[in-house]
Amino acid sequence: MEQTLKITNVLADPTRYYIYQHIVDNHKDVSVQQIADAFKIHPNVARLHLSKLEDVDLLTSDARKTGKGGRPSRLYRLSDKVIQLHFPYRDYQLLSRIAIKTMMKLGEQGKQALYETGKVFGEELINQQLALNSTPIDKLAFTERVNMLKNAATIAGLSPEIQASEEENKIYFRIFNCPFKEVTEAEPGTICSMHNSFLKGMFEALFDNVNLEELENMMTNCTTCSYQATVLS
């Protein structure tokens, strides 16, 4: 409870909250000067905000040499620690672990059910976005479908970055946040396969025929999970 109060107190400051959101959205390490420039505040004020966020484990930092001489610069990035606020207390991670362990006891049949369910939920996430759009899916342009994919992935907490080429019918899809990370560490192969099915469901709800290839995986010490989707005619 004490840590929860500290976190809510730190994020209650609007500038501090927007600085944290800025770091979340940009997926990059930042320096005090970069934050000062972005928010038009004095570097000492920027340093104070960053230090407050680090004090409650929302950020972490280290000093690195920039190659320009002088003192090393301190760079801040998102902490790997999971911060969850629930009133009253809820433990959804424990529920997830119980559910996954139960499915695993069913053997191959349980795994297939997990993958199929993940795909269905991916399709449903896109269908929710389509329901908000007055344009029928067959009338949506390639770029509109890509934007809808990004919106859905953002809602799912994936913190996505997407690059698309309509000429090549390719979409490069990067995920900077795995919402299942803590459960994945216990069952990496199973959860990653389920998540891939979830993403496959999202893509197939927008594009009739698509091949999704995993390029990088956070569980193998990569900074992101990245994919290449090829839309087949």
Protein backbone atom coordinates (compact mmCIF):
# COMPACT_ATOMS: atom_id res chain seq x y z
CA MET A 1 0.00 0.00 0.00
CA GLU A 2 2.82 2.42 0.83
CA GLN A 3 4.40 1.94 -2.62
CA THR A 4 1.02 2.43 -4.29
CA LEU A 5 0.59 5.76 -2.50
CA LYS A 6 4.08 6.84 -3.57
CA ILE A 7 3.36 6.02 -7.21
CA THR A 8 0.01 7.81 -7.30
CA ASN A 9 1.59 10.83 -5.61
CA VAL A 10 4.43 10.96 -8.16
CA LEU A 11 2.07 10.65 -11.15
CA ALA A 12 -0.35 13.23 -9.71
CA ASP A 13 1.91 15.98 -11.05
CA PRO A 14 0.70 16.62 -14.67
CA THR A 15 4.13 17.46 -16.09
CA ARG A 16 5.66 14.37 -14.51
CA TYR A 17 2.85 12.20 -15.84
CA TYR A 18 3.31 13.54 -19.38
CA ILE A 19 7.07 13.06 -19.17
CA TYR A 20 6.49 9.41 -18.24
CA GLN A 21 3.97 9.01 -21.08
CA HIS A 22 6.46 10.63 -23.47
CA ILE A 23 9.11 8.05 -22.56
CA VAL A 24 6.57 5.21 -22.91
CA ASP A 25 5.47 6.40 -26.36
CA ASN A 26 8.94 7.06 -27.79
CA HIS A 27 10.57 3.72 -26.82
CA LYS A 28 13.99 5.35 -26.40
CA ASP A 29 16.41 6.28 -23.64
CA VAL A 30 16.27 9.99 -22.85
CA SER A 31 18.63 12.46 -21.25
CA VAL A 32 17.77 15.31 -18.90
CA GLN A 33 18.44 17.82 -21.69
CA GLN A 34 16.14 16.01 -24.13
CA ILE A 35 13.28 16.13 -21.64
CA ALA A 36 14.04 19.76 -20.85
CA ASP A 37 13.88 20.62 -24.56
CA ALA A 38 10.75 18.55 -25.22
CA PHE A 39 8.79 20.12 -22.37
CA LYS A 40 10.44 23.56 -22.43
CA ILE A 41 11.53 23.39 -18.80
CA HIS A 42 14.85 24.03 -17.07
CA PRO A 43 17.20 21.00 -17.00
CA ASN A 44 17.19 21.06 -13.18
CA VAL A 45 13.39 20.74 -13.22
CA ALA A 46 13.59 17.93 -15.78
CA ARG A 47 16.16 16.13 -13.64
CA LEU A 48 13.88 16.41 -10.60
CA HIS A 49 10.91 14.91 -12.45
CA LEU A 50 13.02 12.05 -13.83
CA SER A 51 14.50 11.35 -10.40
CA LYS A 52 11.03 11.22 -8.84
CA LEU A 53 9.91 8.70 -11.47
CA GLU A 54 13.03 6.63 -10.83
CA ASP A 55 12.48 6.71 -7.06
CA VAL A 56 9.20 4.75 -7.47
CA ASP A 57 10.72 2.31 -10.01
CA LEU A 58 8.84 3.64 -13.03
CA LEU A 59 12.19 4.50 -14.63
CA THR A 60 15.75 3.32 -14.33
CA SER A 61 18.94 5.05 -15.44
CA ASP A 62 22.65 4.70 -15.96
CA ALA A 63 25.53 6.96 -16.93
CA ARG A 64 27.02 6.55 -20.39
CA LYS A 65 29.71 8.34 -22.33
CA THR A 66 28.41 10.15 -25.38
CA GLY A 67 31.68 10.17 -27.30
CA LYS A 68 31.76 13.96 -27.22
CA GLY A 69 34.06 14.23 -24.24
CA GLY A 70 33.22 15.55 -20.81
CA ARG A 71 31.25 13.80 -18.09
CA PRO A 72 29.08 10.78 -18.93
CA SER A 73 25.44 11.60 -19.57
CA ARG A 74 22.71 9.96 -17.46
CA LEU A 75 20.11 8.27 -19.62
CA TYR A 76 16.66 7.26 -18.40
CA ARG A 77 14.44 4.45 -19.68
CA LEU A 78 11.42 2.46 -18.59
CA SER A 79 11.98 0.09 -15.72
CA ASP A 80 11.43 -3.64 -16.22
CA LYS A 81 9.53 -3.75 -12.94
CA VAL A 82 5.79 -4.23 -13.24
CA ILE A 83 3.68 -1.55 -11.61
CA GLN A 84 0.03 -2.45 -11.08
CA LEU A 85 -2.52 -0.37 -9.22
CA HIS A 86 -5.73 -2.04 -8.11
CA PHE A 87 -8.33 -0.81 -5.64
CA PRO A 88 -9.17 -3.14 -3.98
CA TYR A 89 -6.24 -5.52 -4.49
CA ARG A 90 -6.43 -7.96 -7.42
CA ASP A 91 -3.86 -10.53 -8.57
CA TYR A 92 -4.56 -11.20 -12.23
CA GLN A 93 -1.04 -12.55 -12.79
CA LEU A 94 -1.75 -15.37 -10.36
CA LEU A 95 -5.04 -16.07 -12.12
CA SER A 96 -3.18 -16.17 -15.45
CA ARG A 97 -0.62 -18.64 -14.12
CA ILE A 98 -3.36 -20.88 -12.73
CA ALA A 99 -5.23 -20.82 -16.06
CA ILE A 100 -2.10 -21.53 -18.11
CA LYS A 101 -0.99 -24.40 -15.85
CA THR A 102 -4.46 -25.89 -16.12
CA MET A 103 -4.37 -25.72 -19.93
CA MET A 104 -0.90 -27.30 -19.98
CA LYS A 105 -2.16 -30.29 -17.99
CA LEU A 106 -4.50 -31.03 -20.90
CA GLY A 107 -1.47 -31.67 -23.12
CA GLU A 108 -1.45 -30.89 -26.84
CA GLN A 109 -5.22 -30.46 -26.89
CA GLY A 110 -4.97 -27.78 -24.21
CA LYS A 111 -2.24 -25.93 -26.13
CA GLN A 112 -4.26 -25.92 -29.34
CA ALA A 113 -7.30 -24.60 -27.47
CA LEU A 114 -5.12 -21.82 -26.02
CA TYR A 115 -3.78 -20.84 -29.44
CA GLU A 116 -7.24 -20.89 -31.05
CA THR A 117 -8.68 -18.78 -28.24
CA GLY A 118 -5.82 -16.29 -28.57
CA LYS A 119 -6.57 -15.94 -32.27
CA VAL A 120 -10.27 -15.37 -31.58
CA PHE A 121 -9.46 -12.59 -29.10
CA GLY A 122 -7.18 -10.95 -31.66
CA GLU A 123 -10.00 -11.01 -34.21
CA GLU A 124 -12.44 -9.59 -31.66
CA LEU A 125 -10.12 -6.69 -30.87
CA ILE A 126 -10.06 -5.67 -34.54
CA ASN A 127 -13.81 -6.23 -34.92
CA GLN A 128 -14.38 -3.77 -32.08
CA GLN A 129 -12.40 -1.18 -34.05
CA LEU A 130 -14.30 -1.99 -37.24
CA ALA A 131 -17.61 -1.50 -35.42
CA LEU A 132 -16.58 2.09 -34.66
CA ASN A 133 -15.91 2.76 -38.34
CA SER A 134 -18.78 3.49 -40.73
CA THR A 135 -16.77 2.31 -43.75
CA PRO A 136 -17.15 -1.41 -44.66
CA ILE A 137 -13.90 -3.33 -44.38
CA ASP A 138 -13.77 -4.09 -48.09
CA LYS A 139 -13.77 -0.32 -48.74
CA LEU A 140 -10.91 0.45 -46.38
CA ALA A 141 -7.61 1.45 -47.98
CA PHE A 142 -4.37 -0.32 -47.07
CA THR A 143 -3.19 2.62 -44.95
CA GLU A 144 -6.54 2.78 -43.12
CA ARG A 145 -6.25 -0.90 -42.20
CA VAL A 146 -2.69 -0.37 -40.97
CA ASN A 147 -3.83 2.57 -38.81
CA MET A 148 -6.63 0.44 -37.39
CA LEU A 149 -4.11 -2.30 -36.60
CA LYS A 150 -1.93 0.21 -34.74
CA ASN A 151 -4.90 1.58 -32.78
CA ALA A 152 -5.98 -1.91 -31.73
CA ALA A 153 -2.44 -2.89 -30.73
CA THR A 154 -2.14 0.30 -28.67
CA ILE A 155 -5.40 -0.48 -26.87
CA ALA A 156 -4.02 -3.96 -26.15
CA GLY A 157 -1.04 -2.34 -24.40
CA LEU A 158 1.54 -3.54 -26.92
CA SER A 159 3.15 -0.10 -27.37
CA PRO A 160 3.51 -0.79 -31.12
CA GLU A 161 5.58 0.72 -33.89
CA ILE A 162 4.51 0.00 -37.47
CA GLN A 163 6.12 0.62 -40.83
CA ALA A 164 4.16 -0.39 -43.92
CA SER A 165 4.79 -0.53 -47.66
CA GLU A 166 1.69 -0.86 -49.80
CA GLU A 167 3.84 -1.33 -52.91
CA GLU A 168 5.51 -4.39 -51.37
CA ASN A 169 2.40 -5.47 -49.42
CA LYS A 170 4.56 -5.71 -46.31
CA ILE A 171 4.01 -4.52 -42.75
CA TYR A 172 6.85 -4.36 -40.22
CA PHE A 173 5.34 -4.62 -36.76
CA ARG A 174 7.32 -4.05 -33.53
CA ILE A 175 6.10 -4.49 -29.97
CA PHE A 176 7.87 -2.64 -27.16
CA ASN A 177 5.69 -3.94 -24.33
CA CYS A 178 4.68 -7.54 -23.74
CA PRO A 179 1.55 -7.52 -21.54
CA PHE A 180 2.14 -11.20 -20.77
CA LYS A 181 5.85 -10.90 -19.93
CA GLU A 182 5.77 -12.23 -16.36
CA VAL A 183 3.66 -15.24 -17.33
CA THR A 184 5.74 -15.74 -20.48
CA GLU A 185 8.93 -16.11 -18.44
CA ALA A 186 7.41 -19.22 -16.82
CA GLU A 187 6.04 -20.72 -20.08
CA PRO A 188 7.91 -18.93 -22.91
CA GLY A 189 7.17 -21.29 -25.78
CA THR A 190 3.50 -21.67 -24.99
CA ILE A 191 2.69 -18.02 -24.27
CA CYS A 192 4.69 -16.71 -27.23
CA SER A 193 2.86 -19.12 -29.54
CA MET A 194 -0.46 -17.99 -28.09
CA HIS A 195 0.53 -14.34 -28.56
CA ASN A 196 1.54 -15.01 -32.15
CA SER A 197 -1.91 -16.53 -32.69
CA PHE A 198 -3.44 -13.42 -31.11
CA LEU A 199 -1.53 -11.22 -33.58
CA LYS A 200 -2.40 -13.53 -36.46
CA GLY A 201 -6.07 -13.07 -35.56
CA MET A 202 -5.63 -9.28 -35.65
CA PHE A 203 -3.95 -9.32 -39.05
CA GLU A 204 -6.37 -11.80 -40.62
CA ALA A 205 -9.36 -9.76 -39.44
CA LEU A 206 -8.04 -6.90 -41.60
CA PHE A 207 -6.32 -8.73 -44.46
CA ASP A 208 -7.84 -11.86 -45.99
CA ASN A 209 -4.58 -13.68 -46.63
CA VAL A 210 -1.46 -12.78 -44.67
CA ASN A 211 1.78 -14.50 -43.71
CA LEU A 212 3.14 -13.43 -40.30
CA GLU A 213 6.82 -14.10 -39.60
CA GLU A 214 8.47 -13.50 -36.23
CA LEU A 215 11.84 -11.75 -36.54
CA GLU A 216 12.76 -10.95 -32.91
CA ASN A 217 11.53 -12.05 -29.52
CA MET A 218 11.98 -10.32 -26.15
CA MET A 219 12.44 -13.69 -24.49
CA THR A 220 15.71 -14.14 -26.42
CA ASN A 221 17.17 -10.88 -25.05
CA CYS A 222 15.92 -8.72 -27.91
CA THR A 223 14.64 -5.23 -27.10
CA THR A 224 11.36 -5.87 -28.92
CA CYS A 225 9.20 -8.56 -30.42
CA SER A 226 9.17 -7.80 -34.14
CA TYR A 227 7.32 -9.30 -37.08
CA GLN A 228 7.07 -9.02 -40.83
CA ALA A 229 3.59 -9.47 -42.27
CA THR A 230 3.22 -10.12 -45.98
CA VAL A 231 -0.24 -9.51 -47.41
CA LEU A 232 -0.83 -12.15 -50.05
CA SER A 233 -3.07 -11.49 -53.01
